[in-house]
Amino acid sequence: MQSVERALDLINTIVDAGRPLGIAELSQAMGLAPSTIHRILQTLTAKGYIHQDAGSKRYDIGPEIVEISRSLYLRYDLVRRVRPYLQELVDLTGETAHLAELYGTSAMYLSQLEPLSMVRMFTTPGSVTPLYCSDVGKLFLADLPPARVEDILRKTGLRPRTPHTITDPGQLEEALQRVREQGYAEDDEEREIGVRCLSAPILNGAGKVIAAIGIAGPSGRVMKERLPELAGYVKGTAGRAATELILQPQPETQGQTS
């Protein structure tokens, strides 16, 4: 744990300085021996978290830190820009609206807005859900190459969460094909009894799924008879969100020249 703390302190020291630092400067700032600083720098440099300038021999933030910062910024910006559409879904349906993205072999919820009704669905932003038994997860699986889907399912399995969970690979592929054809995905009490969810994809300019937006509610309110109506709301909202994201480039891409 001490080595981890020192590595993080070293990164923070460089960030706070706002400029590249040499070993002697880092040693003085952190109160550690130059040999200790050098060992930490070797590990961080090898992993790409720290970069050494070939000329000055000073150390600065590396490409891995930059990529992490960029990824977090893009995630925050996506949540900020899609939030009005989540509110629109809440107003249209009276149900909880959510936003999710692909996260390794799972889907991660990025944001949630709740209605004023007494019975509401709670999904904590940052929590993850399996791909095979969730509405948002099926959207991502339906968009991935077959080999990638097989790899994910090999790692996660198809463990039953409820009696309604799809545990047969053939049946899951049929469900994914329906997702591709209808443009939305359902969770029909597959993760939790009494909860039904419905999501549609937010697509980029190339037609790839970059996020999922949808609703969740008690199965007594989100009845199967309402699914066509609710699916229309969700798909329409996802389409408008995608149009804004495509027409308004991310801030860091603005002003670039080809």
C-alpha atoms as a PDB file:
ATOM      1  CA  MET A   1       0.000   0.000   0.000  1.00  0.00           C
ATOM      2  CA  GLN A   2       2.861   2.376   0.734  1.00  0.00           C
ATOM      3  CA  SER A   3       4.242   2.019  -2.779  1.00  0.00           C
ATOM      4  CA  VAL A   4       0.805   2.730  -4.264  1.00  0.00           C
ATOM      5  CA  GLU A   5       0.412   5.831  -2.092  1.00  0.00           C
ATOM      6  CA  ARG A   6       3.848   7.074  -3.096  1.00  0.00           C
ATOM      7  CA  ALA A   7       3.120   6.541  -6.780  1.00  0.00           C
ATOM      8  CA  LEU A   8      -0.130   8.506  -6.514  1.00  0.00           C
ATOM      9  CA  ASP A   9       1.599  11.250  -4.499  1.00  0.00           C
ATOM     10  CA  LEU A  10       4.276  11.500  -7.183  1.00  0.00           C
ATOM     11  CA  ILE A  11       1.674  11.899  -9.928  1.00  0.00           C
ATOM     12  CA  ASN A  12      -0.129  14.550  -7.869  1.00  0.00           C
ATOM     13  CA  THR A  13       3.138  16.381  -7.265  1.00  0.00           C
ATOM     14  CA  ILE A  14       3.759  16.692 -11.004  1.00  0.00           C
ATOM     15  CA  VAL A  15       0.155  17.713 -11.642  1.00  0.00           C
ATOM     16  CA  ASP A  16       0.290  20.385  -8.921  1.00  0.00           C
ATOM     17  CA  ALA A  17       3.579  21.740 -10.281  1.00  0.00           C
ATOM     18  CA  GLY A  18       2.051  22.228 -13.718  1.00  0.00           C
ATOM     19  CA  ARG A  19       5.387  21.494 -15.402  1.00  0.00           C
ATOM     20  CA  PRO A  20       7.874  18.637 -15.855  1.00  0.00           C
ATOM     21  CA  LEU A  21      10.041  17.906 -12.805  1.00  0.00           C
ATOM     22  CA  GLY A  22      13.429  16.281 -12.326  1.00  0.00           C
ATOM     23  CA  ILE A  23      14.278  13.590  -9.821  1.00  0.00           C
ATOM     24  CA  ALA A  24      15.957  16.072  -7.457  1.00  0.00           C
ATOM     25  CA  GLU A  25      12.872  18.323  -7.462  1.00  0.00           C
ATOM     26  CA  LEU A  26      10.556  15.390  -6.832  1.00  0.00           C
ATOM     27  CA  SER A  27      12.811  14.122  -4.060  1.00  0.00           C
ATOM     28  CA  GLN A  28      12.765  17.493  -2.310  1.00  0.00           C
ATOM     29  CA  ALA A  29       9.020  18.006  -2.779  1.00  0.00           C
ATOM     30  CA  MET A  30       8.080  14.539  -1.520  1.00  0.00           C
ATOM     31  CA  GLY A  31      10.771  14.080   1.120  1.00  0.00           C
ATOM     32  CA  LEU A  32      11.939  10.781  -0.378  1.00  0.00           C
ATOM     33  CA  ALA A  33      15.370   9.595  -1.423  1.00  0.00           C
ATOM     34  CA  PRO A  34      16.249  10.072  -5.117  1.00  0.00           C
ATOM     35  CA  SER A  35      16.721   6.305  -5.455  1.00  0.00           C
ATOM     36  CA  THR A  36      13.153   5.731  -4.227  1.00  0.00           C
ATOM     37  CA  ILE A  37      11.810   8.366  -6.606  1.00  0.00           C
ATOM     38  CA  HIS A  38      13.716   6.756  -9.474  1.00  0.00           C
ATOM     39  CA  ARG A  39      12.225   3.313  -8.774  1.00  0.00           C
ATOM     40  CA  ILE A  40       8.692   4.702  -8.711  1.00  0.00           C
ATOM     41  CA  LEU A  41       9.311   6.655 -11.916  1.00  0.00           C
ATOM     42  CA  GLN A  42      10.609   3.557 -13.686  1.00  0.00           C
ATOM     43  CA  THR A  43       7.381   1.667 -12.965  1.00  0.00           C
ATOM     44  CA  LEU A  44       5.079   4.563 -13.868  1.00  0.00           C
ATOM     45  CA  THR A  45       7.013   5.298 -17.049  1.00  0.00           C
ATOM     46  CA  ALA A  46       6.865   1.670 -18.148  1.00  0.00           C
ATOM     47  CA  LYS A  47       3.073   1.725 -17.694  1.00  0.00           C
ATOM     48  CA  GLY A  48       2.677   5.000 -19.574  1.00  0.00           C
ATOM     49  CA  TYR A  49       1.459   7.041 -16.603  1.00  0.00           C
ATOM     50  CA  ILE A  50       4.613   9.170 -16.584  1.00  0.00           C
ATOM     51  CA  HIS A  51       6.672  10.366 -19.564  1.00  0.00           C
ATOM     52  CA  GLN A  52      10.343  11.365 -19.519  1.00  0.00           C
ATOM     53  CA  ASP A  53      11.494  14.029 -21.946  1.00  0.00           C
ATOM     54  CA  ALA A  54      14.518  12.723 -23.842  1.00  0.00           C
ATOM     55  CA  GLY A  55      16.200  16.133 -23.873  1.00  0.00           C
ATOM     56  CA  SER A  56      15.637  17.601 -20.421  1.00  0.00           C
ATOM     57  CA  LYS A  57      15.365  14.217 -18.637  1.00  0.00           C
ATOM     58  CA  ARG A  58      12.473  15.676 -16.645  1.00  0.00           C
ATOM     59  CA  TYR A  59       9.243  13.811 -15.971  1.00  0.00           C
ATOM     60  CA  ASP A  60       5.703  14.815 -16.893  1.00  0.00           C
ATOM     61  CA  ILE A  61       2.222  13.267 -17.051  1.00  0.00           C
ATOM     62  CA  GLY A  62       2.130  10.377 -19.523  1.00  0.00           C
ATOM     63  CA  PRO A  63      -0.348   9.330 -22.208  1.00  0.00           C
ATOM     64  CA  GLU A  64      -2.263   6.922 -19.957  1.00  0.00           C
ATOM     65  CA  ILE A  65      -3.176   9.721 -17.538  1.00  0.00           C
ATOM     66  CA  VAL A  66      -4.199  11.922 -20.452  1.00  0.00           C
ATOM     67  CA  GLU A  67      -6.420   9.154 -21.839  1.00  0.00           C
ATOM     68  CA  ILE A  68      -8.050   8.559 -18.452  1.00  0.00           C
ATOM     69  CA  SER A  69      -8.758  12.283 -18.119  1.00  0.00           C
ATOM     70  CA  ARG A  70     -10.180  12.412 -21.635  1.00  0.00           C
ATOM     71  CA  SER A  71     -12.397   9.381 -21.009  1.00  0.00           C
ATOM     72  CA  LEU A  72     -13.775  10.850 -17.787  1.00  0.00           C
ATOM     73  CA  TYR A  73     -14.430  14.196 -19.455  1.00  0.00           C
ATOM     74  CA  LEU A  74     -16.275  12.584 -22.356  1.00  0.00           C
ATOM     75  CA  ARG A  75     -18.381  10.556 -19.922  1.00  0.00           C
ATOM     76  CA  TYR A  76     -19.275  13.676 -17.928  1.00  0.00           C
ATOM     77  CA  ASP A  77     -20.066  15.588 -21.115  1.00  0.00           C
ATOM     78  CA  LEU A  78     -22.296  12.770 -22.376  1.00  0.00           C
ATOM     79  CA  VAL A  79     -24.267  12.760 -19.118  1.00  0.00           C
ATOM     80  CA  ARG A  80     -24.639  16.551 -19.198  1.00  0.00           C
ATOM     81  CA  ARG A  81     -25.864  16.632 -22.774  1.00  0.00           C
ATOM     82  CA  VAL A  82     -28.239  13.675 -22.510  1.00  0.00           C
ATOM     83  CA  ARG A  83     -29.781  14.711 -19.178  1.00  0.00           C
ATOM     84  CA  PRO A  84     -32.547  16.847 -20.797  1.00  0.00           C
ATOM     85  CA  TYR A  85     -33.603  13.793 -22.804  1.00  0.00           C
ATOM     86  CA  LEU A  86     -33.780  11.706 -19.636  1.00  0.00           C
ATOM     87  CA  GLN A  87     -36.110  14.339 -18.190  1.00  0.00           C
ATOM     88  CA  GLU A  88     -38.161  14.199 -21.373  1.00  0.00           C
ATOM     89  CA  LEU A  89     -38.579  10.443 -20.947  1.00  0.00           C
ATOM     90  CA  VAL A  90     -39.625  10.865 -17.323  1.00  0.00           C
ATOM     91  CA  ASP A  91     -42.227  13.443 -18.363  1.00  0.00           C
ATOM     92  CA  LEU A  92     -43.526  11.328 -21.247  1.00  0.00           C
ATOM     93  CA  THR A  93     -43.720   7.983 -19.464  1.00  0.00           C
ATOM     94  CA  GLY A  94     -43.905   8.740 -15.753  1.00  0.00           C
ATOM     95  CA  GLU A  95     -41.148   6.181 -15.177  1.00  0.00           C
ATOM     96  CA  THR A  96     -37.499   6.300 -14.126  1.00  0.00           C
ATOM     97  CA  ALA A  97     -35.147   7.117 -17.007  1.00  0.00           C
ATOM     98  CA  HIS A  98     -31.555   5.897 -17.258  1.00  0.00           C
ATOM     99  CA  LEU A  99     -28.405   6.295 -19.356  1.00  0.00           C
ATOM    100  CA  ALA A 100     -25.773   3.552 -19.667  1.00  0.00           C
ATOM    101  CA  GLU A 101     -22.596   2.732 -21.552  1.00  0.00           C
ATOM    102  CA  LEU A 102     -20.640  -0.426 -22.315  1.00  0.00           C
ATOM    103  CA  TYR A 103     -18.106  -1.157 -19.587  1.00  0.00           C
ATOM    104  CA  GLY A 104     -15.964  -4.191 -20.351  1.00  0.00           C
ATOM    105  CA  THR A 105     -18.195  -7.252 -20.027  1.00  0.00           C
ATOM    106  CA  SER A 106     -20.955  -5.260 -18.292  1.00  0.00           C
ATOM    107  CA  ALA A 107     -23.052  -2.157 -18.787  1.00  0.00           C
ATOM    108  CA  MET A 108     -22.519   0.802 -16.462  1.00  0.00           C
ATOM    109  CA  TYR A 109     -25.294   3.206 -15.508  1.00  0.00           C
ATOM    110  CA  LEU A 110     -24.103   6.787 -15.899  1.00  0.00           C
ATOM    111  CA  SER A 111     -27.194   8.726 -14.876  1.00  0.00           C
ATOM    112  CA  GLN A 112     -30.767   8.318 -13.678  1.00  0.00           C
ATOM    113  CA  LEU A 113     -33.757  10.618 -13.265  1.00  0.00           C
ATOM    114  CA  GLU A 114     -36.791   9.600 -11.220  1.00  0.00           C
ATOM    115  CA  PRO A 115     -40.483  10.519 -11.471  1.00  0.00           C
ATOM    116  CA  LEU A 116     -42.545  11.879  -8.589  1.00  0.00           C
ATOM    117  CA  SER A 117     -44.582   8.692  -8.192  1.00  0.00           C
ATOM    118  CA  MET A 118     -44.472   6.761  -4.931  1.00  0.00           C
ATOM    119  CA  VAL A 119     -43.088   3.583  -6.511  1.00  0.00           C
ATOM    120  CA  ARG A 120     -39.782   4.330  -8.249  1.00  0.00           C
ATOM    121  CA  MET A 121     -36.839   2.342  -9.557  1.00  0.00           C
ATOM    122  CA  PHE A 122     -33.399   3.139  -8.142  1.00  0.00           C
ATOM    123  CA  THR A 123     -30.186   2.513 -10.083  1.00  0.00           C
ATOM    124  CA  THR A 124     -27.086   4.120  -8.637  1.00  0.00           C
ATOM    125  CA  PRO A 125     -24.874   5.838 -11.253  1.00  0.00           C
ATOM    126  CA  GLY A 126     -21.636   3.882 -11.480  1.00  0.00           C
ATOM    127  CA  SER A 127     -23.319   0.540 -10.791  1.00  0.00           C
ATOM    128  CA  VAL A 128     -22.960  -2.215 -13.384  1.00  0.00           C
ATOM    129  CA  THR A 129     -25.320  -4.839 -14.755  1.00  0.00           C
ATOM    130  CA  PRO A 130     -24.801  -8.014 -16.817  1.00  0.00           C
ATOM    131  CA  LEU A 131     -25.218  -7.613 -20.551  1.00  0.00           C
ATOM    132  CA  TYR A 132     -27.238 -10.753 -21.241  1.00  0.00           C
ATOM    133  CA  CYS A 133     -30.159 -10.059 -18.885  1.00  0.00           C
ATOM    134  CA  SER A 134     -30.557  -6.280 -19.069  1.00  0.00           C
ATOM    135  CA  ASP A 135     -32.219  -4.054 -21.631  1.00  0.00           C
ATOM    136  CA  VAL A 136     -29.176  -1.785 -21.943  1.00  0.00           C
ATOM    137  CA  GLY A 137     -26.841  -4.771 -22.087  1.00  0.00           C
ATOM    138  CA  LYS A 138     -28.707  -6.432 -24.929  1.00  0.00           C
ATOM    139  CA  LEU A 139     -28.370  -3.240 -26.976  1.00  0.00           C
ATOM    140  CA  PHE A 140     -24.598  -3.421 -26.673  1.00  0.00           C
ATOM    141  CA  LEU A 141     -24.441  -7.160 -27.347  1.00  0.00           C
ATOM    142  CA  ALA A 142     -26.610  -6.750 -30.455  1.00  0.00           C
ATOM    143  CA  ASP A 143     -24.114  -4.194 -31.791  1.00  0.00           C
ATOM    144  CA  LEU A 144     -20.947  -6.211 -31.141  1.00  0.00           C
ATOM    145  CA  PRO A 145     -19.256  -8.684 -33.533  1.00  0.00           C
ATOM    146  CA  PRO A 146     -20.248 -12.329 -32.884  1.00  0.00           C
ATOM    147  CA  ALA A 147     -16.730 -13.248 -31.744  1.00  0.00           C
ATOM    148  CA  ARG A 148     -16.791 -10.492 -29.122  1.00  0.00           C
ATOM    149  CA  VAL A 149     -20.229 -11.610 -27.913  1.00  0.00           C
ATOM    150  CA  GLU A 150     -19.002 -15.199 -27.562  1.00  0.00           C
ATOM    151  CA  ASP A 151     -15.960 -14.010 -25.617  1.00  0.00           C
ATOM    152  CA  ILE A 152     -18.091 -11.960 -23.213  1.00  0.00           C
ATOM    153  CA  LEU A 153     -20.586 -14.766 -22.603  1.00  0.00           C
ATOM    154  CA  ARG A 154     -17.755 -17.233 -22.081  1.00  0.00           C
ATOM    155  CA  LYS A 155     -16.451 -14.995 -19.295  1.00  0.00           C
ATOM    156  CA  THR A 156     -19.766 -14.083 -17.686  1.00  0.00           C
ATOM    157  CA  GLY A 157     -21.896 -17.150 -18.359  1.00  0.00           C
ATOM    158  CA  LEU A 158     -25.696 -17.020 -18.491  1.00  0.00           C
ATOM    159  CA  ARG A 159     -26.491 -17.318 -14.818  1.00  0.00           C
ATOM    160  CA  PRO A 160     -30.243 -17.150 -14.060  1.00  0.00           C
ATOM    161  CA  ARG A 161     -31.181 -14.078 -12.052  1.00  0.00           C
ATOM    162  CA  THR A 162     -34.921 -14.827 -12.102  1.00  0.00           C
ATOM    163  CA  PRO A 163     -37.107 -17.533 -13.677  1.00  0.00           C
ATOM    164  CA  HIS A 164     -37.382 -15.222 -16.714  1.00  0.00           C
ATOM    165  CA  THR A 165     -33.645 -14.885 -17.378  1.00  0.00           C
ATOM    166  CA  ILE A 166     -32.525 -16.168 -20.779  1.00  0.00           C
ATOM    167  CA  THR A 167     -29.941 -18.862 -20.091  1.00  0.00           C
ATOM    168  CA  ASP A 168     -29.814 -20.577 -23.493  1.00  0.00           C
ATOM    169  CA  PRO A 169     -27.299 -19.094 -25.999  1.00  0.00           C
ATOM    170  CA  GLY A 170     -29.594 -19.824 -28.947  1.00  0.00           C
ATOM    171  CA  GLN A 171     -32.529 -18.044 -27.336  1.00  0.00           C
ATOM    172  CA  LEU A 172     -30.298 -15.100 -26.447  1.00  0.00           C
ATOM    173  CA  GLU A 173     -29.181 -14.774 -30.067  1.00  0.00           C
ATOM    174  CA  GLU A 174     -32.831 -14.771 -31.134  1.00  0.00           C
ATOM    175  CA  ALA A 175     -33.485 -11.989 -28.626  1.00  0.00           C
ATOM    176  CA  LEU A 176     -30.507 -10.002 -29.943  1.00  0.00           C
ATOM    177  CA  GLN A 177     -31.790 -10.377 -33.493  1.00  0.00           C
ATOM    178  CA  ARG A 178     -35.147  -8.942 -32.384  1.00  0.00           C
ATOM    179  CA  VAL A 179     -33.264  -6.018 -30.857  1.00  0.00           C
ATOM    180  CA  ARG A 180     -31.564  -5.355 -34.194  1.00  0.00           C
ATOM    181  CA  GLU A 181     -34.863  -5.546 -36.066  1.00  0.00           C
ATOM    182  CA  GLN A 182     -37.046  -3.476 -33.714  1.00  0.00           C
ATOM    183  CA  GLY A 183     -34.442  -0.944 -32.599  1.00  0.00           C
ATOM    184  CA  TYR A 184     -34.954  -1.358 -28.859  1.00  0.00           C
ATOM    185  CA  ALA A 185     -34.387  -3.926 -26.123  1.00  0.00           C
ATOM    186  CA  GLU A 186     -36.447  -5.184 -23.201  1.00  0.00           C
ATOM    187  CA  ASP A 187     -35.756  -6.566 -19.749  1.00  0.00           C
ATOM    188  CA  ASP A 188     -38.926  -8.514 -19.001  1.00  0.00           C
ATOM    189  CA  GLU A 189     -38.324  -9.201 -15.280  1.00  0.00           C
ATOM    190  CA  GLU A 190     -35.057 -10.921 -16.265  1.00  0.00           C
ATOM    191  CA  ARG A 191     -32.911  -9.251 -13.580  1.00  0.00           C
ATOM    192  CA  GLU A 192     -35.529  -8.625 -10.932  1.00  0.00           C
ATOM    193  CA  ILE A 193     -39.076  -9.893 -10.516  1.00  0.00           C
ATOM    194  CA  GLY A 194     -41.614  -7.103 -10.767  1.00  0.00           C
ATOM    195  CA  VAL A 195     -39.385  -4.753 -12.785  1.00  0.00           C
ATOM    196  CA  ARG A 196     -39.657  -4.207 -16.532  1.00  0.00           C
ATOM    197  CA  CYS A 197     -37.210  -2.054 -18.519  1.00  0.00           C
ATOM    198  CA  LEU A 198     -36.998  -0.753 -22.063  1.00  0.00           C
ATOM    199  CA  SER A 199     -34.051   0.956 -23.796  1.00  0.00           C
ATOM    200  CA  ALA A 200     -32.999   2.236 -27.214  1.00  0.00           C
ATOM    201  CA  PRO A 201     -29.520   2.947 -28.561  1.00  0.00           C
ATOM    202  CA  ILE A 202     -27.873   6.332 -28.998  1.00  0.00           C
ATOM    203  CA  LEU A 203     -25.950   5.959 -32.258  1.00  0.00           C
ATOM    204  CA  ASN A 204     -22.933   7.861 -33.532  1.00  0.00           C
ATOM    205  CA  GLY A 205     -22.475   9.066 -37.100  1.00  0.00           C
ATOM    206  CA  ALA A 206     -21.299   5.618 -38.181  1.00  0.00           C
ATOM    207  CA  GLY A 207     -24.402   3.929 -36.772  1.00  0.00           C
ATOM    208  CA  LYS A 208     -22.594   2.334 -33.816  1.00  0.00           C
ATOM    209  CA  VAL A 209     -24.078   2.236 -30.330  1.00  0.00           C
ATOM    210  CA  ILE A 210     -22.282   4.683 -28.034  1.00  0.00           C
ATOM    211  CA  ALA A 211     -24.812   4.617 -25.176  1.00  0.00           C
ATOM    212  CA  ALA A 212     -28.242   3.342 -24.188  1.00  0.00           C
ATOM    213  CA  ILE A 213     -31.146   5.412 -22.926  1.00  0.00           C
ATOM    214  CA  GLY A 214     -34.333   3.964 -21.515  1.00  0.00           C
ATOM    215  CA  ILE A 215     -36.886   3.590 -18.755  1.00  0.00           C
ATOM    216  CA  ALA A 216     -37.580   1.210 -15.878  1.00  0.00           C
ATOM    217  CA  GLY A 217     -40.686   0.732 -13.799  1.00  0.00           C
ATOM    218  CA  PRO A 218     -42.877  -1.751 -11.947  1.00  0.00           C
ATOM    219  CA  SER A 219     -44.249  -4.409 -14.286  1.00  0.00           C
ATOM    220  CA  GLY A 220     -47.724  -3.440 -13.093  1.00  0.00           C
ATOM    221  CA  ARG A 221     -47.248  -0.017 -14.687  1.00  0.00           C
ATOM    222  CA  VAL A 222     -44.889  -0.900 -17.535  1.00  0.00           C
ATOM    223  CA  MET A 223     -47.356  -3.469 -18.873  1.00  0.00           C
ATOM    224  CA  LYS A 224     -46.744  -5.434 -22.043  1.00  0.00           C
ATOM    225  CA  GLU A 225     -49.739  -3.721 -23.623  1.00  0.00           C
ATOM    226  CA  ARG A 226     -47.948  -0.389 -23.224  1.00  0.00           C
ATOM    227  CA  LEU A 227     -44.630  -1.519 -24.708  1.00  0.00           C
ATOM    228  CA  PRO A 228     -45.300  -0.337 -28.295  1.00  0.00           C
ATOM    229  CA  GLU A 229     -46.249   3.130 -27.024  1.00  0.00           C
ATOM    230  CA  LEU A 230     -43.316   3.298 -24.606  1.00  0.00           C
ATOM    231  CA  ALA A 231     -40.913   1.969 -27.219  1.00  0.00           C
ATOM    232  CA  GLY A 232     -41.951   4.811 -29.516  1.00  0.00           C
ATOM    233  CA  TYR A 233     -41.147   7.368 -26.812  1.00  0.00           C
ATOM    234  CA  VAL A 234     -37.798   5.786 -26.002  1.00  0.00           C
ATOM    235  CA  LYS A 235     -36.687   5.353 -29.621  1.00  0.00           C
ATOM    236  CA  GLY A 236     -37.740   8.887 -30.526  1.00  0.00           C
ATOM    237  CA  THR A 237     -35.898  10.374 -27.556  1.00  0.00           C
ATOM    238  CA  ALA A 238     -32.768   8.321 -28.285  1.00  0.00           C
ATOM    239  CA  GLY A 239     -32.844   9.491 -31.886  1.00  0.00           C
ATOM    240  CA  ARG A 240     -33.061  13.154 -30.902  1.00  0.00           C
ATOM    241  CA  ALA A 241     -30.240  12.745 -28.400  1.00  0.00           C
ATOM    242  CA  ALA A 242     -28.080  11.104 -31.062  1.00  0.00           C
ATOM    243  CA  THR A 243     -28.809  13.907 -33.534  1.00  0.00           C
ATOM    244  CA  GLU A 244     -27.618  16.527 -31.054  1.00  0.00           C
ATOM    245  CA  LEU A 245     -24.457  14.599 -30.267  1.00  0.00           C
ATOM    246  CA  ILE A 246     -23.659  14.196 -33.971  1.00  0.00           C
ATOM    247  CA  LEU A 247     -24.472  17.784 -34.978  1.00  0.00           C
ATOM    248  CA  GLN A 248     -22.658  19.320 -32.001  1.00  0.00           C
ATOM    249  CA  PRO A 249     -19.141  17.841 -31.854  1.00  0.00           C
ATOM    250  CA  GLN A 250     -17.395  17.221 -28.566  1.00  0.00           C
ATOM    251  CA  PRO A 251     -15.591  20.380 -27.375  1.00  0.00           C
ATOM    252  CA  GLU A 252     -12.096  18.978 -27.879  1.00  0.00           C
ATOM    253  CA  THR A 253     -12.800  18.243 -31.556  1.00  0.00           C
ATOM    254  CA  GLN A 254     -13.991  21.746 -32.336  1.00  0.00           C
ATOM    255  CA  GLY A 255     -11.613  23.943 -34.239  1.00  0.00           C
ATOM    256  CA  GLN A 256      -9.517  21.057 -35.571  1.00  0.00           C
ATOM    257  CA  THR A 257      -8.477  21.219 -39.173  1.00  0.00           C
ATOM    258  CA  SER A 258      -8.126  18.339 -41.549  1.00  0.00           C
END
